[in-house]
Amino acid sequence: MQNVNMPGSNEPIEDSLFAIKQIQSSTIYASSFLLYMGIIACLNYTGIYFTSTNSALMRTILDALKTILVCFASLGLGWGEAPKAHMYVAFALMIAGNLVFNRVVIIFDSKKEAQEQFA
């Protein structure tokens, strides 16, 4: 397995073998890893369930709430840094893009324009 090194350094950006050794040697890392895997599995199952019973819009909302939940949980556990202004802008753009993609917010009606163009 070849590591990718940081530019100008012999330090690897990511060392998968070292990460596996850390998980094997620490119960805290192992339990965090298993908890993380369980949470992701539950979120994916919930997303599939929402999509099959409700709509893709509900899944979009669920994914946005998941992003907020992960952010607040990592801040509460002391794992992350306080959000900066560009993070709020990026989150707002993500939500706006999802709303436009799912046609909750219609900027222009592409079907109407296509009908007018070919009429």
C-alpha atoms as a PDB file:
ATOM      1  CA  MET A   1       0.000   0.000   0.000  1.00  0.00           C
ATOM      2  CA  GLN A   2       1.518   3.286  -1.078  1.00  0.00           C
ATOM      3  CA  ASN A   3       1.029   6.447   0.974  1.00  0.00           C
ATOM      4  CA  VAL A   4       0.526   9.872  -0.555  1.00  0.00           C
ATOM      5  CA  ASN A   5       2.962  12.325   0.981  1.00  0.00           C
ATOM      6  CA  MET A   6       2.391  15.975   1.677  1.00  0.00           C
ATOM      7  CA  PRO A   7       4.177  18.284  -0.789  1.00  0.00           C
ATOM      8  CA  GLY A   8       7.746  19.008   0.344  1.00  0.00           C
ATOM      9  CA  SER A   9       7.636  16.431   3.138  1.00  0.00           C
ATOM     10  CA  ASN A  10       7.973  12.736   3.791  1.00  0.00           C
ATOM     11  CA  GLU A  11       4.957  12.841   6.121  1.00  0.00           C
ATOM     12  CA  PRO A  12       1.998  10.896   4.717  1.00  0.00           C
ATOM     13  CA  ILE A  13      -1.351  12.612   4.358  1.00  0.00           C
ATOM     14  CA  GLU A  14      -3.109   9.414   5.343  1.00  0.00           C
ATOM     15  CA  ASP A  15      -1.610   6.217   6.684  1.00  0.00           C
ATOM     16  CA  SER A  16      -4.272   3.507   6.572  1.00  0.00           C
ATOM     17  CA  LEU A  17      -2.113   0.808   8.132  1.00  0.00           C
ATOM     18  CA  PHE A  18      -1.283   3.039  11.087  1.00  0.00           C
ATOM     19  CA  ALA A  19      -4.987   3.856  11.489  1.00  0.00           C
ATOM     20  CA  ILE A  20      -5.853   0.144  11.588  1.00  0.00           C
ATOM     21  CA  LYS A  21      -3.136  -0.443  14.196  1.00  0.00           C
ATOM     22  CA  GLN A  22      -4.532   2.403  16.311  1.00  0.00           C
ATOM     23  CA  ILE A  23      -8.057   0.971  16.144  1.00  0.00           C
ATOM     24  CA  GLN A  24      -6.770  -2.477  17.121  1.00  0.00           C
ATOM     25  CA  SER A  25      -4.711  -1.197  20.052  1.00  0.00           C
ATOM     26  CA  SER A  26      -7.184   1.266  21.593  1.00  0.00           C
ATOM     27  CA  THR A  27     -10.647   0.442  22.910  1.00  0.00           C
ATOM     28  CA  ILE A  28     -11.604   4.104  22.641  1.00  0.00           C
ATOM     29  CA  TYR A  29     -10.712   4.211  18.932  1.00  0.00           C
ATOM     30  CA  ALA A  30     -12.356   0.853  18.300  1.00  0.00           C
ATOM     31  CA  SER A  31     -15.573   1.815  20.090  1.00  0.00           C
ATOM     32  CA  SER A  32     -15.647   5.200  18.320  1.00  0.00           C
ATOM     33  CA  PHE A  33     -15.138   3.463  14.987  1.00  0.00           C
ATOM     34  CA  LEU A  34     -17.923   0.948  15.653  1.00  0.00           C
ATOM     35  CA  LEU A  35     -20.248   3.693  16.929  1.00  0.00           C
ATOM     36  CA  TYR A  36     -19.536   5.771  13.831  1.00  0.00           C
ATOM     37  CA  MET A  37     -20.231   2.795  11.548  1.00  0.00           C
ATOM     38  CA  GLY A  38     -23.497   2.098  13.398  1.00  0.00           C
ATOM     39  CA  ILE A  39     -24.628   5.703  13.135  1.00  0.00           C
ATOM     40  CA  ILE A  40     -23.880   5.839   9.400  1.00  0.00           C
ATOM     41  CA  ALA A  41     -25.752   2.553   8.870  1.00  0.00           C
ATOM     42  CA  CYS A  42     -28.779   3.914  10.764  1.00  0.00           C
ATOM     43  CA  LEU A  43     -28.716   7.172   8.804  1.00  0.00           C
ATOM     44  CA  ASN A  44     -28.519   5.313   5.488  1.00  0.00           C
ATOM     45  CA  TYR A  45     -31.348   2.963   6.462  1.00  0.00           C
ATOM     46  CA  THR A  46     -33.466   5.919   7.572  1.00  0.00           C
ATOM     47  CA  GLY A  47     -32.761   7.689   4.279  1.00  0.00           C
ATOM     48  CA  ILE A  48     -33.794   4.664   2.237  1.00  0.00           C
ATOM     49  CA  TYR A  49     -36.916   4.206   4.374  1.00  0.00           C
ATOM     50  CA  PHE A  50     -37.922   7.856   3.978  1.00  0.00           C
ATOM     51  CA  THR A  51     -37.392   7.716   0.228  1.00  0.00           C
ATOM     52  CA  SER A  52     -39.470   4.544  -0.171  1.00  0.00           C
ATOM     53  CA  THR A  53     -42.367   5.744   2.023  1.00  0.00           C
ATOM     54  CA  ASN A  54     -42.397   9.485   1.438  1.00  0.00           C
ATOM     55  CA  SER A  55     -40.362  11.233  -1.218  1.00  0.00           C
ATOM     56  CA  ALA A  56     -36.908  12.265  -2.270  1.00  0.00           C
ATOM     57  CA  LEU A  57     -37.658  15.672  -0.774  1.00  0.00           C
ATOM     58  CA  MET A  58     -37.972  14.114   2.664  1.00  0.00           C
ATOM     59  CA  ARG A  59     -34.615  12.426   2.144  1.00  0.00           C
ATOM     60  CA  THR A  60     -33.108  15.757   1.142  1.00  0.00           C
ATOM     61  CA  ILE A  61     -34.410  17.345   4.310  1.00  0.00           C
ATOM     62  CA  LEU A  62     -33.110  14.399   6.326  1.00  0.00           C
ATOM     63  CA  ASP A  63     -29.657  14.752   4.761  1.00  0.00           C
ATOM     64  CA  ALA A  64     -29.601  18.467   5.590  1.00  0.00           C
ATOM     65  CA  LEU A  65     -30.597  17.730   9.173  1.00  0.00           C
ATOM     66  CA  LYS A  66     -27.923  15.031   9.317  1.00  0.00           C
ATOM     67  CA  THR A  67     -25.324  17.624   8.341  1.00  0.00           C
ATOM     68  CA  ILE A  68     -26.504  19.953  11.101  1.00  0.00           C
ATOM     69  CA  LEU A  69     -26.600  17.105  13.630  1.00  0.00           C
ATOM     70  CA  VAL A  70     -23.062  15.967  12.817  1.00  0.00           C
ATOM     71  CA  CYS A  71     -21.801  19.547  13.065  1.00  0.00           C
ATOM     72  CA  PHE A  72     -23.394  20.173  16.455  1.00  0.00           C
ATOM     73  CA  ALA A  73     -22.400  16.749  17.803  1.00  0.00           C
ATOM     74  CA  SER A  74     -18.770  17.253  16.827  1.00  0.00           C
ATOM     75  CA  LEU A  75     -18.779  20.706  18.403  1.00  0.00           C
ATOM     76  CA  GLY A  76     -20.411  19.359  21.564  1.00  0.00           C
ATOM     77  CA  LEU A  77     -17.842  16.581  21.843  1.00  0.00           C
ATOM     78  CA  GLY A  78     -14.985  19.019  21.267  1.00  0.00           C
ATOM     79  CA  TRP A  79     -13.935  17.376  17.996  1.00  0.00           C
ATOM     80  CA  GLY A  80     -14.425  20.331  15.709  1.00  0.00           C
ATOM     81  CA  GLU A  81     -13.772  23.999  15.520  1.00  0.00           C
ATOM     82  CA  ALA A  82     -16.391  26.710  15.689  1.00  0.00           C
ATOM     83  CA  PRO A  83     -18.087  27.286  12.322  1.00  0.00           C
ATOM     84  CA  LYS A  84     -16.793  30.157  10.240  1.00  0.00           C
ATOM     85  CA  ALA A  85     -18.808  32.435   7.972  1.00  0.00           C
ATOM     86  CA  HIS A  86     -17.946  30.527   4.787  1.00  0.00           C
ATOM     87  CA  MET A  87     -19.340  27.338   6.348  1.00  0.00           C
ATOM     88  CA  TYR A  88     -22.723  29.010   6.860  1.00  0.00           C
ATOM     89  CA  VAL A  89     -22.679  30.226   3.247  1.00  0.00           C
ATOM     90  CA  ALA A  90     -21.779  26.735   1.985  1.00  0.00           C
ATOM     91  CA  PHE A  91     -24.542  25.157   4.051  1.00  0.00           C
ATOM     92  CA  ALA A  92     -27.093  27.693   2.787  1.00  0.00           C
ATOM     93  CA  LEU A  93     -26.026  26.995  -0.814  1.00  0.00           C
ATOM     94  CA  MET A  94     -26.364  23.257  -0.218  1.00  0.00           C
ATOM     95  CA  ILE A  95     -29.906  23.682   1.119  1.00  0.00           C
ATOM     96  CA  ALA A  96     -30.854  26.083  -1.680  1.00  0.00           C
ATOM     97  CA  GLY A  97     -29.462  23.689  -4.304  1.00  0.00           C
ATOM     98  CA  ASN A  98     -31.443  20.803  -2.844  1.00  0.00           C
ATOM     99  CA  LEU A  99     -34.644  22.846  -2.809  1.00  0.00           C
ATOM    100  CA  VAL A 100     -34.166  23.922  -6.435  1.00  0.00           C
ATOM    101  CA  PHE A 101     -33.209  20.389  -7.528  1.00  0.00           C
ATOM    102  CA  ASN A 102     -36.338  18.923  -5.919  1.00  0.00           C
ATOM    103  CA  ARG A 103     -38.472  21.703  -7.431  1.00  0.00           C
ATOM    104  CA  VAL A 104     -39.634  23.029  -4.085  1.00  0.00           C
ATOM    105  CA  VAL A 105     -38.332  26.408  -5.184  1.00  0.00           C
ATOM    106  CA  ILE A 106     -38.710  27.056  -8.911  1.00  0.00           C
ATOM    107  CA  ILE A 107     -36.349  29.664 -10.318  1.00  0.00           C
ATOM    108  CA  PHE A 108     -37.560  29.150 -13.884  1.00  0.00           C
ATOM    109  CA  ASP A 109     -39.950  26.620 -15.320  1.00  0.00           C
ATOM    110  CA  SER A 110     -37.855  24.584 -17.743  1.00  0.00           C
ATOM    111  CA  LYS A 111     -40.870  22.536 -18.900  1.00  0.00           C
ATOM    112  CA  LYS A 112     -42.786  25.676 -19.833  1.00  0.00           C
ATOM    113  CA  GLU A 113     -39.766  27.121 -21.659  1.00  0.00           C
ATOM    114  CA  ALA A 114     -39.267  23.856 -23.568  1.00  0.00           C
ATOM    115  CA  GLN A 115     -42.927  23.784 -24.600  1.00  0.00           C
ATOM    116  CA  GLU A 116     -42.739  27.388 -25.820  1.00  0.00           C
ATOM    117  CA  GLN A 117     -39.502  26.715 -27.701  1.00  0.00           C
ATOM    118  CA  PHE A 118     -40.874  23.715 -29.607  1.00  0.00           C
ATOM    119  CA  ALA A 119     -44.405  25.091 -30.143  1.00  0.00           C
END
